[in-house]
Amino acid sequence: MNITDKDVAEFQTLYKARFGKDIDRTEARDKLSKLVRQMEIVYQPITKKQVKDLKEKDAKKQSQND
């Protein structure tokens, strides 16, 4: 993802609103880059196969409990 100057400015505004502290553009860009990278690592969309496998596992578990 390309982080634009507009993204950095918006992040600065959100950071100020949340933490009550102004940060300069360099620090804002650094923090935003790290946040975006963290989200890329953590967020992994689930595949259709994974959904199917989960449904089958849940159905099997449910039938064992009945």
Protein backbone atom coordinates (compact mmCIF):
# COMPACT_ATOMS: atom_id res chain seq x y z
CA MET A 1 0.00 0.00 0.00
CA ASN A 2 1.26 3.44 -0.88
CA ILE A 3 0.87 5.90 1.95
CA THR A 4 0.04 9.35 0.64
CA ASP A 5 0.57 12.74 2.24
CA LYS A 6 -3.20 12.88 2.70
CA ASP A 7 -3.09 9.56 4.60
CA VAL A 8 -0.35 10.91 6.87
CA ALA A 9 -2.29 14.11 7.55
CA GLU A 10 -5.42 12.12 8.41
CA PHE A 11 -3.39 9.85 10.68
CA GLN A 12 -1.98 12.90 12.46
CA THR A 13 -5.52 14.15 13.07
CA LEU A 14 -6.69 10.77 14.36
CA TYR A 15 -3.59 10.41 16.54
CA LYS A 16 -4.16 13.87 18.06
CA ALA A 17 -7.82 13.05 18.75
CA ARG A 18 -6.98 9.70 20.35
CA PHE A 19 -3.80 10.48 22.29
CA GLY A 20 -3.97 14.28 22.66
CA LYS A 21 -0.49 14.65 21.23
CA ASP A 22 0.70 16.26 18.02
CA ILE A 23 3.24 14.30 16.02
CA ASP A 24 5.29 15.54 13.09
CA ARG A 25 4.92 14.16 9.57
CA THR A 26 7.98 11.92 9.84
CA GLU A 27 6.80 10.27 13.05
CA ALA A 28 3.25 10.01 11.69
CA ARG A 29 4.44 8.35 8.49
CA ASP A 30 6.58 5.92 10.49
CA LYS A 31 3.75 4.99 12.89
CA LEU A 32 1.25 4.67 10.05
CA SER A 33 3.61 2.47 8.03
CA LYS A 34 4.07 0.18 11.02
CA LEU A 35 0.32 0.03 11.61
CA VAL A 36 -0.38 -0.82 7.98
CA ARG A 37 2.31 -3.51 7.99
CA GLN A 38 0.90 -5.01 11.19
CA MET A 39 -2.57 -5.16 9.65
CA GLU A 40 -1.15 -6.85 6.53
CA ILE A 41 0.45 -9.51 8.73
CA VAL A 42 -2.51 -10.05 11.06
CA TYR A 43 -5.41 -9.83 8.63
CA GLN A 44 -5.59 -12.86 6.39
CA PRO A 45 -8.85 -13.31 4.49
CA ILE A 46 -10.38 -16.75 4.90
CA THR A 47 -10.58 -18.88 1.77
CA LYS A 48 -13.67 -20.67 0.52
CA LYS A 49 -11.98 -23.98 1.32
CA GLN A 50 -11.36 -22.87 4.90
CA VAL A 51 -15.03 -21.88 5.26
CA LYS A 52 -16.10 -25.27 3.90
CA ASP A 53 -13.72 -27.10 6.25
CA LEU A 54 -15.00 -25.13 9.26
CA LYS A 55 -18.62 -25.85 8.37
CA GLU A 56 -17.87 -29.56 8.03
CA LYS A 57 -16.00 -29.58 11.34
CA ASP A 58 -18.87 -27.76 13.08
CA ALA A 59 -21.44 -30.14 11.58
CA LYS A 60 -19.42 -33.15 12.71
CA LYS A 61 -19.01 -31.69 16.20
CA GLN A 62 -22.75 -30.92 16.38
CA SER A 63 -23.70 -34.46 15.37
CA GLN A 64 -21.42 -35.89 18.06
CA ASN A 65 -23.16 -33.74 20.70
CA ASP A 66 -26.65 -34.92 19.69
